[in-house]
Amino acid sequence: MSHDWPGTAKELSGLIGQLRGGIPEVMKGFSAMAKAAGAEGALDAKTKELVALGIAIAARCDGCIAFHTRTARELGTTREELMEVAGMAIYMGGGPSLMYGALALQAYDQHVAGVVPAE
């Protein structure tokens, strides 16, 4: 099973842009919430991103995995840290989260390598 995670993030960015144009006030509110939730406080940005990734795995959200693995990698997340986050998500979400934990690992590896898989 191969998936182009960087491509998924890019494609979704374009679609989200369309939503931003169609429902600007909703998207402005969502962006403000994301900025406030991600702001450093008692937890740093990387830790908060790893929390978001764990939720993405447990909630089985492909788009969330595409975005949060990319951002986690940009914030210096190691493969080992991602593995531990996946472990917690699997613990909380069971078998379906196991499948999405594997997909998150694949997404992370693609973001690190900067390679798009062949079809």
N, C-alpha and C. Protein backbone atom coordinates (compact mmCIF):
# COMPACT_ATOMS: atom_id res chain seq x y z
N MET A 1 0.85 -1.17 0.00
CA MET A 1 0.00 0.00 0.00
C MET A 1 0.90 1.23 0.00
N SER A 2 0.73 2.02 -1.02
CA SER A 2 1.54 3.22 -1.13
C SER A 2 0.64 4.44 -1.25
N HIS A 3 1.05 5.48 -0.61
CA HIS A 3 0.26 6.71 -0.60
C HIS A 3 1.22 7.88 -0.72
N ASP A 4 0.85 8.86 -1.48
CA ASP A 4 1.67 10.06 -1.66
C ASP A 4 1.24 11.10 -0.62
N TRP A 5 1.83 11.03 0.57
CA TRP A 5 1.45 11.92 1.67
C TRP A 5 1.78 13.37 1.41
N PRO A 6 2.99 13.68 0.88
CA PRO A 6 3.24 15.09 0.55
C PRO A 6 2.26 15.61 -0.50
N GLY A 7 1.91 14.76 -1.46
CA GLY A 7 0.92 15.14 -2.47
C GLY A 7 -0.45 15.36 -1.88
N THR A 8 -0.82 14.53 -0.91
CA THR A 8 -2.10 14.69 -0.23
C THR A 8 -2.16 16.05 0.46
N ALA A 9 -1.09 16.42 1.17
CA ALA A 9 -1.06 17.72 1.85
C ALA A 9 -1.17 18.85 0.83
N LYS A 10 -0.48 18.73 -0.28
CA LYS A 10 -0.52 19.77 -1.31
C LYS A 10 -1.92 19.88 -1.92
N GLU A 11 -2.51 18.75 -2.26
CA GLU A 11 -3.86 18.76 -2.85
C GLU A 11 -4.88 19.34 -1.88
N LEU A 12 -4.81 18.92 -0.64
CA LEU A 12 -5.75 19.43 0.36
C LEU A 12 -5.56 20.92 0.60
N SER A 13 -4.33 21.39 0.53
CA SER A 13 -4.09 22.83 0.70
C SER A 13 -4.87 23.63 -0.33
N GLY A 14 -4.87 23.15 -1.58
CA GLY A 14 -5.64 23.82 -2.62
C GLY A 14 -7.13 23.79 -2.36
N LEU A 15 -7.62 22.65 -1.92
CA LEU A 15 -9.05 22.53 -1.62
C LEU A 15 -9.44 23.40 -0.42
N ILE A 16 -8.58 23.43 0.58
CA ILE A 16 -8.84 24.27 1.74
C ILE A 16 -8.85 25.74 1.34
N GLY A 17 -7.99 26.09 0.39
CA GLY A 17 -7.99 27.46 -0.14
C GLY A 17 -9.34 27.82 -0.75
N GLN A 18 -9.96 26.84 -1.41
CA GLN A 18 -11.29 27.10 -1.98
C GLN A 18 -12.31 27.35 -0.87
N LEU A 19 -12.21 26.59 0.21
CA LEU A 19 -13.10 26.82 1.35
C LEU A 19 -12.84 28.21 1.94
N ARG A 20 -11.57 28.57 2.03
CA ARG A 20 -11.21 29.89 2.58
C ARG A 20 -11.89 30.99 1.78
N GLY A 21 -11.95 30.82 0.45
CA GLY A 21 -12.61 31.82 -0.40
C GLY A 21 -14.12 31.79 -0.27
N GLY A 22 -14.69 30.60 -0.03
CA GLY A 22 -16.14 30.47 0.03
C GLY A 22 -16.75 30.75 1.39
N ILE A 23 -15.99 30.45 2.44
CA ILE A 23 -16.49 30.68 3.80
C ILE A 23 -15.39 31.36 4.62
N PRO A 24 -15.06 32.58 4.24
CA PRO A 24 -13.90 33.25 4.84
C PRO A 24 -14.01 33.45 6.35
N GLU A 25 -15.17 33.77 6.86
CA GLU A 25 -15.29 34.02 8.30
C GLU A 25 -15.09 32.73 9.10
N VAL A 26 -15.64 31.62 8.59
CA VAL A 26 -15.45 30.33 9.27
C VAL A 26 -13.98 29.95 9.27
N MET A 27 -13.34 30.10 8.12
CA MET A 27 -11.93 29.73 8.00
C MET A 27 -11.04 30.66 8.82
N LYS A 28 -11.41 31.94 8.91
CA LYS A 28 -10.66 32.88 9.74
C LYS A 28 -10.75 32.44 11.21
N GLY A 29 -11.94 32.03 11.61
CA GLY A 29 -12.13 31.55 12.98
C GLY A 29 -11.35 30.27 13.24
N PHE A 30 -11.35 29.36 12.28
CA PHE A 30 -10.61 28.11 12.43
C PHE A 30 -9.11 28.39 12.52
N SER A 31 -8.62 29.29 11.67
CA SER A 31 -7.20 29.65 11.68
C SER A 31 -6.80 30.29 13.00
N ALA A 32 -7.67 31.15 13.53
CA ALA A 32 -7.39 31.78 14.82
C ALA A 32 -7.34 30.73 15.93
N MET A 33 -8.25 29.76 15.89
CA MET A 33 -8.25 28.70 16.89
C MET A 33 -6.99 27.86 16.78
N ALA A 34 -6.59 27.52 15.56
CA ALA A 34 -5.38 26.72 15.36
C ALA A 34 -4.15 27.46 15.87
N LYS A 35 -4.09 28.76 15.59
CA LYS A 35 -2.95 29.57 16.05
C LYS A 35 -2.91 29.63 17.57
N ALA A 36 -4.06 29.84 18.20
CA ALA A 36 -4.12 29.93 19.66
C ALA A 36 -3.77 28.58 20.29
N ALA A 37 -4.30 27.50 19.75
CA ALA A 37 -4.04 26.17 20.32
C ALA A 37 -2.58 25.78 20.16
N GLY A 38 -1.95 26.20 19.05
CA GLY A 38 -0.57 25.83 18.79
C GLY A 38 0.46 26.74 19.41
N ALA A 39 0.02 27.85 19.99
CA ALA A 39 0.97 28.80 20.57
C ALA A 39 1.70 28.16 21.75
N GLU A 40 2.98 28.47 21.87
CA GLU A 40 3.75 27.92 22.97
C GLU A 40 3.24 28.45 24.29
N GLY A 41 3.19 27.57 25.23
CA GLY A 41 2.77 27.89 26.59
C GLY A 41 3.47 26.91 27.50
N ALA A 42 2.71 26.17 28.29
CA ALA A 42 3.29 25.13 29.13
C ALA A 42 3.90 24.03 28.27
N LEU A 43 3.34 23.83 27.07
CA LEU A 43 3.88 22.86 26.11
C LEU A 43 4.49 23.61 24.93
N ASP A 44 5.59 23.09 24.41
CA ASP A 44 6.20 23.73 23.24
C ASP A 44 5.46 23.30 21.97
N ALA A 45 5.78 23.96 20.86
CA ALA A 45 5.09 23.73 19.60
C ALA A 45 5.24 22.29 19.12
N LYS A 46 6.41 21.71 19.29
CA LYS A 46 6.64 20.33 18.85
C LYS A 46 5.77 19.36 19.64
N THR A 47 5.71 19.53 20.93
CA THR A 47 4.88 18.66 21.76
C THR A 47 3.41 18.77 21.34
N LYS A 48 2.96 19.99 21.13
CA LYS A 48 1.57 20.18 20.70
C LYS A 48 1.31 19.52 19.34
N GLU A 49 2.28 19.59 18.46
CA GLU A 49 2.13 18.97 17.14
C GLU A 49 2.07 17.45 17.27
N LEU A 50 2.84 16.90 18.19
CA LEU A 50 2.79 15.45 18.42
C LEU A 50 1.46 15.02 19.02
N VAL A 51 0.88 15.86 19.87
CA VAL A 51 -0.47 15.58 20.39
C VAL A 51 -1.46 15.55 19.22
N ALA A 52 -1.36 16.55 18.34
CA ALA A 52 -2.26 16.61 17.18
C ALA A 52 -2.08 15.37 16.30
N LEU A 53 -0.85 14.93 16.12
CA LEU A 53 -0.60 13.74 15.31
C LEU A 53 -1.20 12.50 15.96
N GLY A 54 -1.06 12.38 17.27
CA GLY A 54 -1.66 11.24 17.96
C GLY A 54 -3.17 11.22 17.80
N ILE A 55 -3.78 12.38 17.87
CA ILE A 55 -5.24 12.46 17.67
C ILE A 55 -5.58 12.12 16.22
N ALA A 56 -4.76 12.59 15.27
CA ALA A 56 -5.00 12.28 13.85
C ALA A 56 -4.98 10.78 13.61
N ILE A 57 -4.04 10.09 14.25
CA ILE A 57 -3.95 8.62 14.10
C ILE A 57 -5.18 7.97 14.72
N ALA A 58 -5.52 8.35 15.96
CA ALA A 58 -6.65 7.73 16.65
C ALA A 58 -7.98 8.04 15.97
N ALA A 59 -8.08 9.23 15.36
CA ALA A 59 -9.32 9.62 14.67
C ALA A 59 -9.36 9.10 13.23
N ARG A 60 -8.24 8.54 12.77
CA ARG A 60 -8.14 7.97 11.42
C ARG A 60 -8.41 8.99 10.33
N CYS A 61 -7.67 10.10 10.40
CA CYS A 61 -7.84 11.21 9.46
C CYS A 61 -6.62 11.31 8.54
N ASP A 62 -6.77 10.85 7.30
CA ASP A 62 -5.66 10.87 6.35
C ASP A 62 -5.09 12.27 6.16
N GLY A 63 -5.94 13.25 5.92
CA GLY A 63 -5.47 14.61 5.70
C GLY A 63 -4.73 15.15 6.91
N CYS A 64 -5.25 14.86 8.09
CA CYS A 64 -4.58 15.31 9.32
C CYS A 64 -3.21 14.68 9.45
N ILE A 65 -3.10 13.40 9.12
CA ILE A 65 -1.80 12.72 9.16
C ILE A 65 -0.85 13.37 8.18
N ALA A 66 -1.32 13.68 6.97
CA ALA A 66 -0.46 14.31 5.95
C ALA A 66 0.10 15.63 6.47
N PHE A 67 -0.74 16.47 7.04
CA PHE A 67 -0.30 17.78 7.52
C PHE A 67 0.54 17.68 8.80
N HIS A 68 0.10 16.87 9.76
CA HIS A 68 0.77 16.86 11.05
C HIS A 68 2.11 16.11 11.01
N THR A 69 2.26 15.10 10.14
CA THR A 69 3.58 14.48 10.01
C THR A 69 4.55 15.46 9.38
N ARG A 70 4.07 16.23 8.40
CA ARG A 70 4.94 17.23 7.75
C ARG A 70 5.40 18.27 8.77
N THR A 71 4.46 18.82 9.52
CA THR A 71 4.81 19.85 10.49
C THR A 71 5.68 19.28 11.61
N ALA A 72 5.36 18.08 12.07
CA ALA A 72 6.17 17.46 13.12
C ALA A 72 7.61 17.28 12.65
N ARG A 73 7.78 16.86 11.44
CA ARG A 73 9.12 16.70 10.88
C ARG A 73 9.82 18.05 10.81
N GLU A 74 9.10 19.09 10.35
CA GLU A 74 9.68 20.43 10.27
C GLU A 74 10.10 20.95 11.64
N LEU A 75 9.42 20.51 12.69
CA LEU A 75 9.74 20.94 14.05
C LEU A 75 10.80 20.06 14.71
N GLY A 76 11.38 19.16 13.93
CA GLY A 76 12.49 18.36 14.44
C GLY A 76 12.12 17.04 15.08
N THR A 77 10.91 16.57 14.86
CA THR A 77 10.50 15.28 15.42
C THR A 77 11.36 14.17 14.82
N THR A 78 11.79 13.27 15.67
CA THR A 78 12.55 12.11 15.20
C THR A 78 11.59 10.96 14.90
N ARG A 79 12.09 10.00 14.15
CA ARG A 79 11.29 8.81 13.86
C ARG A 79 10.92 8.09 15.16
N GLU A 80 11.83 8.06 16.10
CA GLU A 80 11.58 7.41 17.39
C GLU A 80 10.46 8.11 18.16
N GLU A 81 10.45 9.43 18.12
CA GLU A 81 9.37 10.18 18.78
C GLU A 81 8.04 9.88 18.12
N LEU A 82 8.04 9.83 16.78
CA LEU A 82 6.80 9.50 16.08
C LEU A 82 6.33 8.11 16.47
N MET A 83 7.24 7.17 16.60
CA MET A 83 6.88 5.80 17.00
C MET A 83 6.19 5.81 18.36
N GLU A 84 6.70 6.60 19.31
CA GLU A 84 6.09 6.63 20.63
C GLU A 84 4.70 7.27 20.59
N VAL A 85 4.54 8.30 19.77
CA VAL A 85 3.22 8.92 19.60
C VAL A 85 2.26 7.90 19.00
N ALA A 86 2.73 7.17 17.98
CA ALA A 86 1.89 6.14 17.37
C ALA A 86 1.50 5.09 18.41
N GLY A 87 2.44 4.73 19.27
CA GLY A 87 2.14 3.76 20.32
C GLY A 87 1.02 4.21 21.24
N MET A 88 1.05 5.48 21.64
CA MET A 88 -0.02 6.00 22.50
C MET A 88 -1.35 6.05 21.75
N ALA A 89 -1.31 6.44 20.47
CA ALA A 89 -2.54 6.50 19.68
C ALA A 89 -3.13 5.10 19.49
N ILE A 90 -2.27 4.12 19.28
CA ILE A 90 -2.74 2.73 19.13
C ILE A 90 -3.35 2.25 20.44
N TYR A 91 -2.70 2.56 21.55
CA TYR A 91 -3.23 2.21 22.86
C TYR A 91 -4.63 2.79 23.04
N MET A 92 -4.81 4.04 22.65
CA MET A 92 -6.09 4.71 22.85
C MET A 92 -7.13 4.34 21.79
N GLY A 93 -6.68 3.99 20.59
CA GLY A 93 -7.62 3.76 19.49
C GLY A 93 -7.75 2.33 19.00
N GLY A 94 -6.95 1.42 19.52
CA GLY A 94 -7.06 0.02 19.14
C GLY A 94 -6.57 -0.30 17.73
N GLY A 95 -7.11 -1.39 17.19
CA GLY A 95 -6.68 -1.91 15.89
C GLY A 95 -6.75 -0.91 14.75
N PRO A 96 -7.85 -0.15 14.60
CA PRO A 96 -7.86 0.83 13.52
C PRO A 96 -6.73 1.86 13.64
N SER A 97 -6.39 2.24 14.85
CA SER A 97 -5.29 3.18 15.04
C SER A 97 -3.95 2.54 14.71
N LEU A 98 -3.84 1.22 14.87
CA LEU A 98 -2.63 0.51 14.47
C LEU A 98 -2.40 0.70 12.97
N MET A 99 -3.46 0.57 12.18
CA MET A 99 -3.34 0.74 10.73
C MET A 99 -2.93 2.18 10.39
N TYR A 100 -3.53 3.14 11.05
CA TYR A 100 -3.21 4.55 10.77
C TYR A 100 -1.87 4.96 11.37
N GLY A 101 -1.43 4.29 12.42
CA GLY A 101 -0.08 4.52 12.93
C GLY A 101 0.96 4.11 11.90
N ALA A 102 0.71 2.99 11.23
CA ALA A 102 1.62 2.55 10.16
C ALA A 102 1.61 3.55 9.01
N LEU A 103 0.43 4.08 8.68
CA LEU A 103 0.35 5.09 7.62
C LEU A 103 1.06 6.38 8.02
N ALA A 104 0.97 6.77 9.29
CA ALA A 104 1.66 7.97 9.76
C ALA A 104 3.17 7.79 9.66
N LEU A 105 3.66 6.58 9.95
CA LEU A 105 5.09 6.31 9.82
C LEU A 105 5.51 6.44 8.36
N GLN A 106 4.70 5.90 7.46
CA GLN A 106 4.99 6.03 6.03
C GLN A 106 5.00 7.50 5.61
N ALA A 107 4.03 8.26 6.09
CA ALA A 107 3.96 9.69 5.75
C ALA A 107 5.20 10.42 6.25
N TYR A 108 5.58 10.16 7.49
CA TYR A 108 6.78 10.80 8.06
C TYR A 108 8.00 10.48 7.21
N ASP A 109 8.17 9.21 6.89
CA ASP A 109 9.33 8.81 6.10
C ASP A 109 9.35 9.49 4.73
N GLN A 110 8.18 9.66 4.11
CA GLN A 110 8.11 10.36 2.82
C GLN A 110 8.49 11.83 2.98
N HIS A 111 8.01 12.46 4.04
CA HIS A 111 8.36 13.87 4.26
C HIS A 111 9.86 14.03 4.50
N VAL A 112 10.46 13.10 5.22
CA VAL A 112 11.90 13.15 5.47
C VAL A 112 12.68 12.97 4.17
N ALA A 113 12.25 11.98 3.39
CA ALA A 113 12.97 11.66 2.15
C ALA A 113 12.70 12.65 1.04
N GLY A 114 11.57 13.34 1.12
CA GLY A 114 11.20 14.25 0.04
C GLY A 114 10.92 13.53 -1.26
N VAL A 115 10.50 12.27 -1.15
CA VAL A 115 10.28 11.44 -2.33
C VAL A 115 8.80 11.10 -2.44
N VAL A 116 8.30 11.16 -3.67
CA VAL A 116 6.94 10.76 -3.96
C VAL A 116 6.99 9.33 -4.50
N PRO A 117 6.20 8.39 -3.94
CA PRO A 117 6.26 7.01 -4.41
C PRO A 117 5.74 6.87 -5.84
N ALA A 118 6.26 5.87 -6.54
CA ALA A 118 5.78 5.57 -7.89
C ALA A 118 4.41 4.93 -7.80
N GLU A 119 3.58 5.22 -8.80
CA GLU A 119 2.23 4.63 -8.81
C GLU A 119 2.28 3.17 -9.17
